[in-house]
PDB file of N, CA and C in Angstrom:
ATOM      1  N   MET A   1       0.753  -1.177  -0.077  1.00  0.00           N
ATOM      2  CA  MET A   1      -0.213   0.179   0.337  1.00  0.00           C
ATOM      3  C   MET A   1       0.725   1.265   0.111  1.00  0.00           C
ATOM      4  N   VAL A   2       1.783   0.824  -0.810  1.00  0.00           N
ATOM      5  CA  VAL A   2       2.506   2.510  -0.916  1.00  0.00           C
ATOM      6  C   VAL A   2       2.206   3.147  -0.920  1.00  0.00           C
ATOM      7  N   GLY A   3       2.143   4.633  -1.079  1.00  0.00           N
ATOM      8  CA  GLY A   3       1.791   6.200  -1.536  1.00  0.00           C
ATOM      9  C   GLY A   3       0.596   6.122  -0.647  1.00  0.00           C
ATOM     10  N   LEU A   4      -0.133   5.197   0.466  1.00  0.00           N
ATOM     11  CA  LEU A   4      -1.588   5.609   0.634  1.00  0.00           C
ATOM     12  C   LEU A   4      -1.673   6.129   1.818  1.00  0.00           C
ATOM     13  N   ASP A   5      -1.360   7.074   2.849  1.00  0.00           N
ATOM     14  CA  ASP A   5      -1.909   7.442   3.991  1.00  0.00           C
ATOM     15  C   ASP A   5      -2.438   6.456   4.691  1.00  0.00           C
ATOM     16  N   ASN A   6      -2.434   6.494   6.024  1.00  0.00           N
ATOM     17  CA  ASN A   6      -3.480   6.054   7.338  1.00  0.00           C
ATOM     18  C   ASN A   6      -4.635   5.733   7.124  1.00  0.00           C
ATOM     19  N   GLU A   7      -4.913   6.432   6.703  1.00  0.00           N
ATOM     20  CA  GLU A   7      -6.248   6.742   6.468  1.00  0.00           C
ATOM     21  C   GLU A   7      -7.134   6.076   5.298  1.00  0.00           C
ATOM     22  N   THR A   8      -6.490   5.675   3.905  1.00  0.00           N
ATOM     23  CA  THR A   8      -7.200   5.081   3.332  1.00  0.00           C
ATOM     24  C   THR A   8      -6.404   3.616   3.521  1.00  0.00           C
ATOM     25  N   LEU A   9      -7.721   2.896   3.439  1.00  0.00           N
ATOM     26  CA  LEU A   9      -7.679   1.498   3.039  1.00  0.00           C
ATOM     27  C   LEU A   9      -8.021   0.442   2.049  1.00  0.00           C
ATOM     28  N   THR A  10      -7.851  -0.409   1.390  1.00  0.00           N
ATOM     29  CA  THR A  10      -7.270  -0.749   0.107  1.00  0.00           C
ATOM     30  C   THR A  10      -8.225  -1.868   0.329  1.00  0.00           C
ATOM     31  N   THR A  11      -9.702  -2.674  -0.007  1.00  0.00           N
ATOM     32  CA  THR A  11     -10.145  -3.836   0.011  1.00  0.00           C
ATOM     33  C   THR A  11     -10.679  -4.234  -1.328  1.00  0.00           C
ATOM     34  N   GLY A  12      -9.873  -4.880  -1.928  1.00  0.00           N
ATOM     35  CA  GLY A  12      -9.927  -5.854  -3.206  1.00  0.00           C
ATOM     36  C   GLY A  12     -10.017  -4.652  -4.018  1.00  0.00           C
ATOM     37  N   ARG A  13     -11.090  -4.493  -4.790  1.00  0.00           N
ATOM     38  CA  ARG A  13     -10.848  -3.598  -5.801  1.00  0.00           C
ATOM     39  C   ARG A  13     -11.508  -1.721  -5.509  1.00  0.00           C
ATOM     40  N   THR A  14     -12.257  -1.828  -4.439  1.00  0.00           N
ATOM     41  CA  THR A  14     -12.452  -0.483  -3.967  1.00  0.00           C
ATOM     42  C   THR A  14     -11.773   0.090  -2.706  1.00  0.00           C
ATOM     43  N   LEU A  15     -11.348   1.150  -3.178  1.00  0.00           N
ATOM     44  CA  LEU A  15     -10.438   2.047  -2.768  1.00  0.00           C
ATOM     45  C   LEU A  15     -11.353   2.369  -1.960  1.00  0.00           C
ATOM     46  N   MET A  16     -11.444   3.406  -0.151  1.00  0.00           N
ATOM     47  CA  MET A  16     -11.843   3.652   1.082  1.00  0.00           C
ATOM     48  C   MET A  16     -11.207   4.881   1.693  1.00  0.00           C
ATOM     49  N   LYS A  17     -11.970   5.816   2.048  1.00  0.00           N
ATOM     50  CA  LYS A  17     -10.828   7.254   1.950  1.00  0.00           C
ATOM     51  C   LYS A  17     -11.902   7.435   3.190  1.00  0.00           C
ATOM     52  N   SER A  18     -11.255   7.096   4.321  1.00  0.00           N
ATOM     53  CA  SER A  18     -12.362   7.819   6.063  1.00  0.00           C
ATOM     54  C   SER A  18     -12.128   9.455   6.005  1.00  0.00           C
ATOM     55  N   ARG A  19     -12.685   9.972   6.218  1.00  0.00           N
ATOM     56  CA  ARG A  19     -12.895  11.665   6.266  1.00  0.00           C
ATOM     57  C   ARG A  19     -13.667  12.033   8.126  1.00  0.00           C
ATOM     58  N   THR A  20     -13.638  12.909   8.432  1.00  0.00           N
ATOM     59  CA  THR A  20     -14.055  13.492   9.755  1.00  0.00           C
ATOM     60  C   THR A  20     -14.641  15.172   9.174  1.00  0.00           C
ATOM     61  N   ILE A  21     -16.168  15.552   9.885  1.00  0.00           N
ATOM     62  CA  ILE A  21     -16.265  16.517   9.393  1.00  0.00           C
ATOM     63  C   ILE A  21     -16.832  17.165  10.909  1.00  0.00           C
ATOM     64  N   GLU A  22     -16.718  18.191  11.232  1.00  0.00           N
ATOM     65  CA  GLU A  22     -17.154  18.978  12.161  1.00  0.00           C
ATOM     66  C   GLU A  22     -18.967  18.726  11.792  1.00  0.00           C
ATOM     67  N   VAL A  23     -19.740  18.736  12.796  1.00  0.00           N
ATOM     68  CA  VAL A  23     -21.301  19.162  12.735  1.00  0.00           C
ATOM     69  C   VAL A  23     -21.796  19.245  14.659  1.00  0.00           C
ATOM     70  N   LYS A  24     -21.939  21.065  13.905  1.00  0.00           N
ATOM     71  CA  LYS A  24     -22.760  21.680  14.743  1.00  0.00           C
ATOM     72  C   LYS A  24     -24.228  21.481  15.391  1.00  0.00           C
ATOM     73  N   GLY A  25     -24.612  21.785  16.228  1.00  0.00           N
ATOM     74  CA  GLY A  25     -25.911  22.212  16.653  1.00  0.00           C
ATOM     75  C   GLY A  25     -26.582  20.671  17.137  1.00  0.00           C
ATOM     76  N   MET A  26     -26.103  19.440  17.389  1.00  0.00           N
ATOM     77  CA  MET A  26     -25.980  18.260  17.960  1.00  0.00           C
ATOM     78  C   MET A  26     -26.623  18.687  19.166  1.00  0.00           C
ATOM     79  N   SER A  27     -27.722  17.940  19.689  1.00  0.00           N
ATOM     80  CA  SER A  27     -27.920  17.541  21.014  1.00  0.00           C
ATOM     81  C   SER A  27     -28.435  16.812  22.013  1.00  0.00           C
ATOM     82  N   CYS A  28     -28.774  16.009  20.867  1.00  0.00           N
ATOM     83  CA  CYS A  28     -29.672  14.183  21.635  1.00  0.00           C
ATOM     84  C   CYS A  28     -29.045  13.471  20.503  1.00  0.00           C
ATOM     85  N   ASN A  29     -29.749  11.976  21.085  1.00  0.00           N
ATOM     86  CA  ASN A  29     -28.910  10.790  19.937  1.00  0.00           C
ATOM     87  C   ASN A  29     -30.467  10.488  19.168  1.00  0.00           C
ATOM     88  N   HIS A  30     -31.248  11.549  18.576  1.00  0.00           N
ATOM     89  CA  HIS A  30     -31.698  11.840  17.407  1.00  0.00           C
ATOM     90  C   HIS A  30     -31.278  12.228  16.529  1.00  0.00           C
ATOM     91  N   CYS A  31     -30.712  13.576  16.800  1.00  0.00           N
ATOM     92  CA  CYS A  31     -29.450  14.464  16.092  1.00  0.00           C
ATOM     93  C   CYS A  31     -28.636  13.411  15.485  1.00  0.00           C
ATOM     94  N   VAL A  32     -28.214  12.602  16.147  1.00  0.00           N
ATOM     95  CA  VAL A  32     -27.105  12.213  15.754  1.00  0.00           C
ATOM     96  C   VAL A  32     -27.991  10.404  14.421  1.00  0.00           C
ATOM     97  N   GLN A  33     -28.924  10.195  15.104  1.00  0.00           N
ATOM     98  CA  GLN A  33     -29.541   9.880  14.027  1.00  0.00           C
ATOM     99  C   GLN A  33     -29.902  10.233  12.781  1.00  0.00           C
ATOM    100  N   SER A  34     -30.002  11.382  12.653  1.00  0.00           N
ATOM    101  CA  SER A  34     -30.642  12.178  11.250  1.00  0.00           C
ATOM    102  C   SER A  34     -29.146  12.803  10.641  1.00  0.00           C
ATOM    103  N   VAL A  35     -28.211  13.004  11.238  1.00  0.00           N
ATOM    104  CA  VAL A  35     -26.880  12.773  10.172  1.00  0.00           C
ATOM    105  C   VAL A  35     -26.764  11.392   9.506  1.00  0.00           C
ATOM    106  N   THR A  36     -26.362  10.671  10.982  1.00  0.00           N
ATOM    107  CA  THR A  36     -26.438   9.070  10.304  1.00  0.00           C
ATOM    108  C   THR A  36     -27.554   8.658   8.871  1.00  0.00           C
ATOM    109  N   GLN A  37     -28.391   9.384   8.976  1.00  0.00           N
ATOM    110  CA  GLN A  37     -29.700   8.609   8.167  1.00  0.00           C
ATOM    111  C   GLN A  37     -28.802   9.929   6.629  1.00  0.00           C
ATOM    112  N   VAL A  38     -28.741  11.340   6.611  1.00  0.00           N
ATOM    113  CA  VAL A  38     -28.373  12.176   5.670  1.00  0.00           C
ATOM    114  C   VAL A  38     -27.275  11.758   5.192  1.00  0.00           C
ATOM    115  N   LEU A  39     -26.213  11.093   5.644  1.00  0.00           N
ATOM    116  CA  LEU A  39     -24.947  10.923   5.121  1.00  0.00           C
ATOM    117  C   LEU A  39     -24.941   9.737   4.460  1.00  0.00           C
ATOM    118  N   SER A  40     -26.272   8.687   5.372  1.00  0.00           N
ATOM    119  CA  SER A  40     -25.999   7.740   4.673  1.00  0.00           C
ATOM    120  C   SER A  40     -26.499   7.104   3.400  1.00  0.00           C
ATOM    121  N   ALA A  41     -27.459   8.087   2.717  1.00  0.00           N
ATOM    122  CA  ALA A  41     -28.080   8.638   1.814  1.00  0.00           C
ATOM    123  C   ALA A  41     -27.001   8.810   0.885  1.00  0.00           C
ATOM    124  N   ILE A  42     -26.225   9.201   0.889  1.00  0.00           N
ATOM    125  CA  ILE A  42     -25.600   9.860  -0.283  1.00  0.00           C
ATOM    126  C   ILE A  42     -24.333   8.336  -1.325  1.00  0.00           C
ATOM    127  N   GLU A  43     -25.300   8.479  -1.879  1.00  0.00           N
ATOM    128  CA  GLU A  43     -24.283   7.659  -2.719  1.00  0.00           C
ATOM    129  C   GLU A  43     -22.397   7.764  -2.938  1.00  0.00           C
ATOM    130  N   GLY A  44     -21.891   6.973  -2.199  1.00  0.00           N
ATOM    131  CA  GLY A  44     -20.030   6.905  -2.136  1.00  0.00           C
ATOM    132  C   GLY A  44     -19.977   6.805  -0.701  1.00  0.00           C
ATOM    133  N   VAL A  45     -21.037   6.742   0.257  1.00  0.00           N
ATOM    134  CA  VAL A  45     -20.570   7.432   1.588  1.00  0.00           C
ATOM    135  C   VAL A  45     -21.153   5.647   2.034  1.00  0.00           C
ATOM    136  N   ALA A  46     -19.726   5.270   2.739  1.00  0.00           N
ATOM    137  CA  ALA A  46     -20.125   4.080   4.055  1.00  0.00           C
ATOM    138  C   ALA A  46     -20.382   4.329   5.704  1.00  0.00           C
ATOM    139  N   ALA A  47     -20.218   3.724   5.971  1.00  0.00           N
ATOM    140  CA  ALA A  47     -20.051   3.410   7.540  1.00  0.00           C
ATOM    141  C   ALA A  47     -20.168   4.436   8.470  1.00  0.00           C
ATOM    142  N   VAL A  48     -20.972   5.175   8.461  1.00  0.00           N
ATOM    143  CA  VAL A  48     -21.199   6.766   9.364  1.00  0.00           C
ATOM    144  C   VAL A  48     -20.841   6.273  10.587  1.00  0.00           C
ATOM    145  N   LYS A  49     -20.321   7.274  11.242  1.00  0.00           N
ATOM    146  CA  LYS A  49     -19.976   7.337  12.764  1.00  0.00           C
ATOM    147  C   LYS A  49     -20.383   8.802  12.705  1.00  0.00           C
ATOM    148  N   VAL A  50     -21.523   8.764  13.728  1.00  0.00           N
ATOM    149  CA  VAL A  50     -21.719  10.412  14.313  1.00  0.00           C
ATOM    150  C   VAL A  50     -21.009  10.517  15.588  1.00  0.00           C
ATOM    151  N   ASP A  51     -19.995  11.019  15.997  1.00  0.00           N
ATOM    152  CA  ASP A  51     -19.658  11.312  17.845  1.00  0.00           C
ATOM    153  C   ASP A  51     -20.867  12.370  18.189  1.00  0.00           C
ATOM    154  N   LEU A  52     -21.739  12.417  18.940  1.00  0.00           N
ATOM    155  CA  LEU A  52     -22.326  13.233  19.540  1.00  0.00           C
ATOM    156  C   LEU A  52     -21.427  14.424  20.309  1.00  0.00           C
ATOM    157  N   LEU A  53     -20.751  13.727  21.602  1.00  0.00           N
ATOM    158  CA  LEU A  53     -19.898  14.990  22.486  1.00  0.00           C
ATOM    159  C   LEU A  53     -18.613  15.168  21.660  1.00  0.00           C
ATOM    160  N   GLY A  54     -17.952  14.474  21.009  1.00  0.00           N
ATOM    161  CA  GLY A  54     -17.032  15.233  20.157  1.00  0.00           C
ATOM    162  C   GLY A  54     -17.778  16.025  18.881  1.00  0.00           C
ATOM    163  N   GLY A  55     -19.148  16.276  18.778  1.00  0.00           N
ATOM    164  CA  GLY A  55     -19.066  17.662  17.438  1.00  0.00           C
ATOM    165  C   GLY A  55     -18.798  17.217  16.094  1.00  0.00           C
ATOM    166  N   THR A  56     -18.572  15.498  15.731  1.00  0.00           N
ATOM    167  CA  THR A  56     -18.048  14.806  14.512  1.00  0.00           C
ATOM    168  C   THR A  56     -18.511  13.985  13.760  1.00  0.00           C
ATOM    169  N   ALA A  57     -18.394  13.807  12.332  1.00  0.00           N
ATOM    170  CA  ALA A  57     -19.408  12.997  11.900  1.00  0.00           C
ATOM    171  C   ALA A  57     -18.147  12.338  10.797  1.00  0.00           C
ATOM    172  N   THR A  58     -17.813  10.946  10.656  1.00  0.00           N
ATOM    173  CA  THR A  58     -17.136  10.266  10.392  1.00  0.00           C
ATOM    174  C   THR A  58     -17.468   9.332   9.499  1.00  0.00           C
ATOM    175  N   TYR A  59     -17.037   9.321   7.656  1.00  0.00           N
ATOM    176  CA  TYR A  59     -17.474   7.981   6.965  1.00  0.00           C
ATOM    177  C   TYR A  59     -16.397   7.938   6.305  1.00  0.00           C
ATOM    178  N   ASP A  60     -16.625   6.491   5.388  1.00  0.00           N
ATOM    179  CA  ASP A  60     -15.758   6.471   4.386  1.00  0.00           C
ATOM    180  C   ASP A  60     -16.357   6.668   2.785  1.00  0.00           C
ATOM    181  N   GLU A  61     -15.592   7.057   2.062  1.00  0.00           N
ATOM    182  CA  GLU A  61     -15.784   7.087   1.120  1.00  0.00           C
ATOM    183  C   GLU A  61     -15.405   5.842   0.003  1.00  0.00           C
ATOM    184  N   THR A  62     -16.521   5.158  -0.612  1.00  0.00           N
ATOM    185  CA  THR A  62     -16.423   4.261  -1.419  1.00  0.00           C
ATOM    186  C   THR A  62     -16.021   4.813  -2.766  1.00  0.00           C
ATOM    187  N   LYS A  63     -16.420   6.150  -3.258  1.00  0.00           N
ATOM    188  CA  LYS A  63     -15.721   6.873  -4.103  1.00  0.00           C
ATOM    189  C   LYS A  63     -15.957   8.350  -3.939  1.00  0.00           C
ATOM    190  N   ALA A  64     -15.397   9.193  -4.897  1.00  0.00           N
ATOM    191  CA  ALA A  64     -15.611  10.190  -4.309  1.00  0.00           C
ATOM    192  C   ALA A  64     -16.456  11.199  -4.372  1.00  0.00           C
ATOM    193  N   VAL A  65     -16.587  11.852  -3.115  1.00  0.00           N
ATOM    194  CA  VAL A  65     -17.895  12.662  -2.967  1.00  0.00           C
ATOM    195  C   VAL A  65     -17.537  13.768  -2.712  1.00  0.00           C
ATOM    196  N   PRO A  66     -17.932  14.708  -3.428  1.00  0.00           N
ATOM    197  CA  PRO A  66     -17.586  16.193  -3.019  1.00  0.00           C
ATOM    198  C   PRO A  66     -18.021  16.760  -1.554  1.00  0.00           C
ATOM    199  N   GLU A  67     -17.323  17.691  -0.997  1.00  0.00           N
ATOM    200  CA  GLU A  67     -17.803  18.009   0.188  1.00  0.00           C
ATOM    201  C   GLU A  67     -18.461  18.908   0.300  1.00  0.00           C
ATOM    202  N   LEU A  68     -18.817  19.228  -0.527  1.00  0.00           N
ATOM    203  CA  LEU A  68     -20.177  20.470  -0.344  1.00  0.00           C
ATOM    204  C   LEU A  68     -21.282  20.037  -0.326  1.00  0.00           C
ATOM    205  N   GLU A  69     -21.447  18.331  -1.057  1.00  0.00           N
ATOM    206  CA  GLU A  69     -22.434  17.335  -0.835  1.00  0.00           C
ATOM    207  C   GLU A  69     -22.597  16.794   0.363  1.00  0.00           C
ATOM    208  N   ILE A  70     -22.264  16.943   0.849  1.00  0.00           N
ATOM    209  CA  ILE A  70     -22.273  16.616   2.499  1.00  0.00           C
ATOM    210  C   ILE A  70     -22.255  17.423   3.578  1.00  0.00           C
ATOM    211  N   LYS A  71     -22.071  18.578   3.184  1.00  0.00           N
ATOM    212  CA  LYS A  71     -21.969  20.058   3.871  1.00  0.00           C
ATOM    213  C   LYS A  71     -23.552  20.240   3.875  1.00  0.00           C
ATOM    214  N   THR A  72     -24.500  20.079   2.420  1.00  0.00           N
ATOM    215  CA  THR A  72     -25.391  20.613   2.239  1.00  0.00           C
ATOM    216  C   THR A  72     -26.154  19.354   2.702  1.00  0.00           C
ATOM    217  N   ALA A  73     -25.900  18.428   3.076  1.00  0.00           N
ATOM    218  CA  ALA A  73     -27.018  17.591   3.097  1.00  0.00           C
ATOM    219  C   ALA A  73     -26.917  17.479   5.109  1.00  0.00           C
ATOM    220  N   ILE A  74     -25.689  18.044   5.668  1.00  0.00           N
ATOM    221  CA  ILE A  74     -25.949  18.004   6.766  1.00  0.00           C
ATOM    222  C   ILE A  74     -26.650  19.819   7.480  1.00  0.00           C
ATOM    223  N   GLU A  75     -26.574  20.408   6.564  1.00  0.00           N
ATOM    224  CA  GLU A  75     -27.167  21.533   6.734  1.00  0.00           C
ATOM    225  C   GLU A  75     -28.436  21.376   6.274  1.00  0.00           C
ATOM    226  N   ARG A  76     -28.833  20.494   5.629  1.00  0.00           N
ATOM    227  CA  ARG A  76     -30.995  20.443   5.205  1.00  0.00           C
ATOM    228  C   ARG A  76     -31.164  19.742   6.638  1.00  0.00           C
ATOM    229  N   ALA A  77     -29.935  19.061   7.202  1.00  0.00           N
ATOM    230  CA  ALA A  77     -31.244  17.861   8.021  1.00  0.00           C
ATOM    231  C   ALA A  77     -31.505  19.299   9.627  1.00  0.00           C
ATOM    232  N   GLY A  78     -30.632  20.246   9.291  1.00  0.00           N
ATOM    233  CA  GLY A  78     -30.545  21.319  10.162  1.00  0.00           C
ATOM    234  C   GLY A  78     -29.675  21.679  11.326  1.00  0.00           C
ATOM    235  N   PHE A  79     -28.675  21.038  10.860  1.00  0.00           N
ATOM    236  CA  PHE A  79     -26.922  20.700  11.385  1.00  0.00           C
ATOM    237  C   PHE A  79     -26.276  22.369  10.535  1.00  0.00           C
ATOM    238  N   ILE A  80     -25.370  22.212  11.567  1.00  0.00           N
ATOM    239  CA  ILE A  80     -24.213  23.202  10.793  1.00  0.00           C
ATOM    240  C   ILE A  80     -23.005  22.456  10.202  1.00  0.00           C
ATOM    241  N   ALA A  81     -22.957  22.429   8.821  1.00  0.00           N
ATOM    242  CA  ALA A  81     -21.515  21.415   8.976  1.00  0.00           C
ATOM    243  C   ALA A  81     -20.259  22.156   8.816  1.00  0.00           C
ATOM    244  N   GLY A  82     -18.905  21.284   9.779  1.00  0.00           N
ATOM    245  CA  GLY A  82     -18.137  22.547  10.148  1.00  0.00           C
ATOM    246  C   GLY A  82     -16.892  22.134   9.201  1.00  0.00           C
ATOM    247  N   MET A  83     -15.903  22.063   9.736  1.00  0.00           N
ATOM    248  CA  MET A  83     -14.152  22.341   8.762  1.00  0.00           C
ATOM    249  C   MET A  83     -14.338  20.481   9.251  1.00  0.00           C
ATOM    250  N   TYR A  84     -13.276  20.387   7.969  1.00  0.00           N
ATOM    251  CA  TYR A  84     -13.383  18.800   8.124  1.00  0.00           C
ATOM    252  C   TYR A  84     -11.301  18.744   8.789  1.00  0.00           C
ATOM    253  N   LYS A  85     -12.176  17.473   9.660  1.00  0.00           N
ATOM    254  CA  LYS A  85     -10.138  17.612  10.336  1.00  0.00           C
ATOM    255  C   LYS A  85      -9.404  16.447   9.755  1.00  0.00           C
TER     256      LYS A  85
END
């Protein structure tokens, strides 16, 4: 796996990259479920994990997904999409 950083995994022919974005405005488990659902519905997004206390969402990209698409989905769900970490 020369040339791949620690966040990039190779599984068979699928290249996945783990991404983490700040999500502001979450206050309960329902918020976590909402963010999980909207991100999971995006083609190319897998294994969504939302951290309520940390205020982040981490997901794997099975194909390139524009950051704007992720941020728009989060904001349409009623939250504030912050910076990528």
